[in-house]
Amino acid sequence: MNTKKAWGCRKMMTYAKPVLEKYETFPGDLKLSRNELTLGYIKKEMPYANVIFDVETLEQLKENLSYWKKELPLSFIPEIKRLFNNIDEKILNPALWPN
């Protein structure tokens, strides 16, 4: 990953900071990683979705697959929906991110 390019994109996307801060702190007492939380949410809320994993190592792929297979409590779904409703399209759509 080109860290200079990624950092430049982050600096230009300061409008996403409040959403990312909520995402960083959300799992709280569930003790879930961001990947576990994200994949668990997709699996529960979009069971027919196709998910493409972008990984840099075989270990990362194995980790993501283990998260996908893990059954998570349903209790976190309503809270995610509450916290992350009405997110601006320019944050959600990578095609709108600065280069």
C-alpha atoms as a PDB file:
ATOM      1  CA  MET A   1       0.000   0.000   0.000  1.00  0.00           C
ATOM      2  CA  ASN A   2       1.281   3.434  -0.895  1.00  0.00           C
ATOM      3  CA  THR A   3       1.204   5.081   2.541  1.00  0.00           C
ATOM      4  CA  LYS A   4       1.978   8.575   1.193  1.00  0.00           C
ATOM      5  CA  LYS A   5      -1.010   8.400  -1.146  1.00  0.00           C
ATOM      6  CA  ALA A   6      -3.241   6.936   1.598  1.00  0.00           C
ATOM      7  CA  TRP A   7      -2.184   9.662   4.039  1.00  0.00           C
ATOM      8  CA  GLY A   8      -2.849  12.361   1.439  1.00  0.00           C
ATOM      9  CA  CYS A   9      -6.322  10.963   0.858  1.00  0.00           C
ATOM     10  CA  ARG A  10      -6.972  10.910   4.622  1.00  0.00           C
ATOM     11  CA  LYS A  11      -5.881  14.534   4.968  1.00  0.00           C
ATOM     12  CA  MET A  12      -8.264  15.580   2.190  1.00  0.00           C
ATOM     13  CA  MET A  13     -11.156  13.580   3.651  1.00  0.00           C
ATOM     14  CA  THR A  14     -11.307  15.349   7.013  1.00  0.00           C
ATOM     15  CA  TYR A  15     -15.101  15.458   6.649  1.00  0.00           C
ATOM     16  CA  ALA A  16     -15.091  11.693   7.317  1.00  0.00           C
ATOM     17  CA  LYS A  17     -13.318  12.061  10.686  1.00  0.00           C
ATOM     18  CA  PRO A  18     -16.452  12.120  12.921  1.00  0.00           C
ATOM     19  CA  VAL A  19     -17.791   8.968  11.267  1.00  0.00           C
ATOM     20  CA  LEU A  20     -14.449   7.198  11.549  1.00  0.00           C
ATOM     21  CA  GLU A  21     -14.123   8.155  15.216  1.00  0.00           C
ATOM     22  CA  LYS A  22     -17.535   6.611  15.941  1.00  0.00           C
ATOM     23  CA  TYR A  23     -16.462   3.503  14.023  1.00  0.00           C
ATOM     24  CA  GLU A  24     -13.203   3.247  15.974  1.00  0.00           C
ATOM     25  CA  THR A  25     -14.932   3.302  19.352  1.00  0.00           C
ATOM     26  CA  PHE A  26     -18.170   1.489  18.538  1.00  0.00           C
ATOM     27  CA  PRO A  27     -17.548  -2.146  19.478  1.00  0.00           C
ATOM     28  CA  GLY A  28     -17.008  -1.123  23.119  1.00  0.00           C
ATOM     29  CA  ASP A  29     -17.787  -4.010  25.443  1.00  0.00           C
ATOM     30  CA  LEU A  30     -18.317  -6.444  22.569  1.00  0.00           C
ATOM     31  CA  LYS A  31     -14.527  -6.633  22.233  1.00  0.00           C
ATOM     32  CA  LEU A  32     -14.729  -6.949  18.443  1.00  0.00           C
ATOM     33  CA  SER A  33     -12.161  -5.765  15.959  1.00  0.00           C
ATOM     34  CA  ARG A  34     -13.269  -3.422  13.195  1.00  0.00           C
ATOM     35  CA  ASN A  35     -13.022  -6.282  10.713  1.00  0.00           C
ATOM     36  CA  GLU A  36     -15.138  -8.580  12.897  1.00  0.00           C
ATOM     37  CA  LEU A  37     -17.728  -5.861  13.350  1.00  0.00           C
ATOM     38  CA  THR A  38     -17.887  -4.971   9.662  1.00  0.00           C
ATOM     39  CA  LEU A  39     -18.006  -8.526   8.365  1.00  0.00           C
ATOM     40  CA  GLY A  40     -20.459  -9.574  11.066  1.00  0.00           C
ATOM     41  CA  TYR A  41     -22.778  -6.730  10.145  1.00  0.00           C
ATOM     42  CA  ILE A  42     -22.652  -7.524   6.430  1.00  0.00           C
ATOM     43  CA  LYS A  43     -23.252 -11.211   7.098  1.00  0.00           C
ATOM     44  CA  LYS A  44     -26.301 -10.540   9.312  1.00  0.00           C
ATOM     45  CA  GLU A  45     -27.852  -7.661   7.371  1.00  0.00           C
ATOM     46  CA  MET A  46     -26.995  -8.634   3.807  1.00  0.00           C
ATOM     47  CA  PRO A  47     -26.911 -12.437   3.752  1.00  0.00           C
ATOM     48  CA  TYR A  48     -27.009 -12.584  -0.051  1.00  0.00           C
ATOM     49  CA  ALA A  49     -24.271 -10.030  -0.590  1.00  0.00           C
ATOM     50  CA  ASN A  50     -21.080 -10.996  -2.345  1.00  0.00           C
ATOM     51  CA  VAL A  51     -18.043  -9.915  -0.367  1.00  0.00           C
ATOM     52  CA  ILE A  52     -14.626  -9.418  -1.934  1.00  0.00           C
ATOM     53  CA  PHE A  53     -11.689  -9.503   0.460  1.00  0.00           C
ATOM     54  CA  ASP A  54      -8.717  -7.317  -0.422  1.00  0.00           C
ATOM     55  CA  VAL A  55      -5.787  -8.722   1.507  1.00  0.00           C
ATOM     56  CA  GLU A  56      -2.060  -8.262   1.540  1.00  0.00           C
ATOM     57  CA  THR A  57      -1.105 -11.580   3.171  1.00  0.00           C
ATOM     58  CA  LEU A  58      -2.377 -15.126   3.437  1.00  0.00           C
ATOM     59  CA  GLU A  59      -2.666 -14.624   7.210  1.00  0.00           C
ATOM     60  CA  GLN A  60      -4.955 -11.643   6.685  1.00  0.00           C
ATOM     61  CA  LEU A  61      -7.168 -13.731   4.392  1.00  0.00           C
ATOM     62  CA  LYS A  62      -7.385 -16.518   6.984  1.00  0.00           C
ATOM     63  CA  GLU A  63      -8.252 -13.980   9.677  1.00  0.00           C
ATOM     64  CA  ASN A  64     -11.029 -12.418   7.586  1.00  0.00           C
ATOM     65  CA  LEU A  65     -12.460 -15.831   6.726  1.00  0.00           C
ATOM     66  CA  SER A  66     -12.501 -16.778  10.411  1.00  0.00           C
ATOM     67  CA  TYR A  67     -14.404 -13.552  11.159  1.00  0.00           C
ATOM     68  CA  TRP A  68     -16.884 -14.376   8.410  1.00  0.00           C
ATOM     69  CA  LYS A  69     -17.540 -17.816   9.897  1.00  0.00           C
ATOM     70  CA  LYS A  70     -17.944 -16.456  13.432  1.00  0.00           C
ATOM     71  CA  GLU A  71     -21.481 -15.992  14.768  1.00  0.00           C
ATOM     72  CA  LEU A  72     -21.856 -12.600  16.391  1.00  0.00           C
ATOM     73  CA  PRO A  73     -24.605 -11.434  18.744  1.00  0.00           C
ATOM     74  CA  LEU A  74     -27.505  -9.696  17.031  1.00  0.00           C
ATOM     75  CA  SER A  75     -27.546  -7.056  19.750  1.00  0.00           C
ATOM     76  CA  PHE A  76     -25.078  -4.787  17.946  1.00  0.00           C
ATOM     77  CA  ILE A  77     -27.127  -4.454  14.725  1.00  0.00           C
ATOM     78  CA  PRO A  78     -29.677  -1.839  15.930  1.00  0.00           C
ATOM     79  CA  GLU A  79     -26.900   0.261  17.471  1.00  0.00           C
ATOM     80  CA  ILE A  80     -24.914   0.261  14.230  1.00  0.00           C
ATOM     81  CA  LYS A  81     -28.002   1.327  12.315  1.00  0.00           C
ATOM     82  CA  ARG A  82     -28.651   4.120  14.799  1.00  0.00           C
ATOM     83  CA  LEU A  83     -25.082   5.429  14.849  1.00  0.00           C
ATOM     84  CA  PHE A  84     -24.377   5.157  11.161  1.00  0.00           C
ATOM     85  CA  ASN A  85     -27.585   6.270   9.489  1.00  0.00           C
ATOM     86  CA  ASN A  86     -27.541   9.125   6.975  1.00  0.00           C
ATOM     87  CA  ILE A  87     -23.823   8.859   6.160  1.00  0.00           C
ATOM     88  CA  ASP A  88     -22.882  11.202   3.319  1.00  0.00           C
ATOM     89  CA  GLU A  89     -22.443   9.465  -0.055  1.00  0.00           C
ATOM     90  CA  LYS A  90     -18.995  11.048  -0.476  1.00  0.00           C
ATOM     91  CA  ILE A  91     -17.829   9.008   2.527  1.00  0.00           C
ATOM     92  CA  LEU A  92     -19.433   5.718   1.451  1.00  0.00           C
ATOM     93  CA  ASN A  93     -18.642   5.732  -2.253  1.00  0.00           C
ATOM     94  CA  PRO A  94     -14.948   5.218  -3.102  1.00  0.00           C
ATOM     95  CA  ALA A  95     -15.576   6.650  -6.581  1.00  0.00           C
ATOM     96  CA  LEU A  96     -16.139  10.028  -4.882  1.00  0.00           C
ATOM     97  CA  TRP A  97     -12.946   9.918  -2.805  1.00  0.00           C
ATOM     98  CA  PRO A  98     -10.105  12.257  -3.780  1.00  0.00           C
ATOM     99  CA  ASN A  99      -7.200  10.712  -5.687  1.00  0.00           C
END
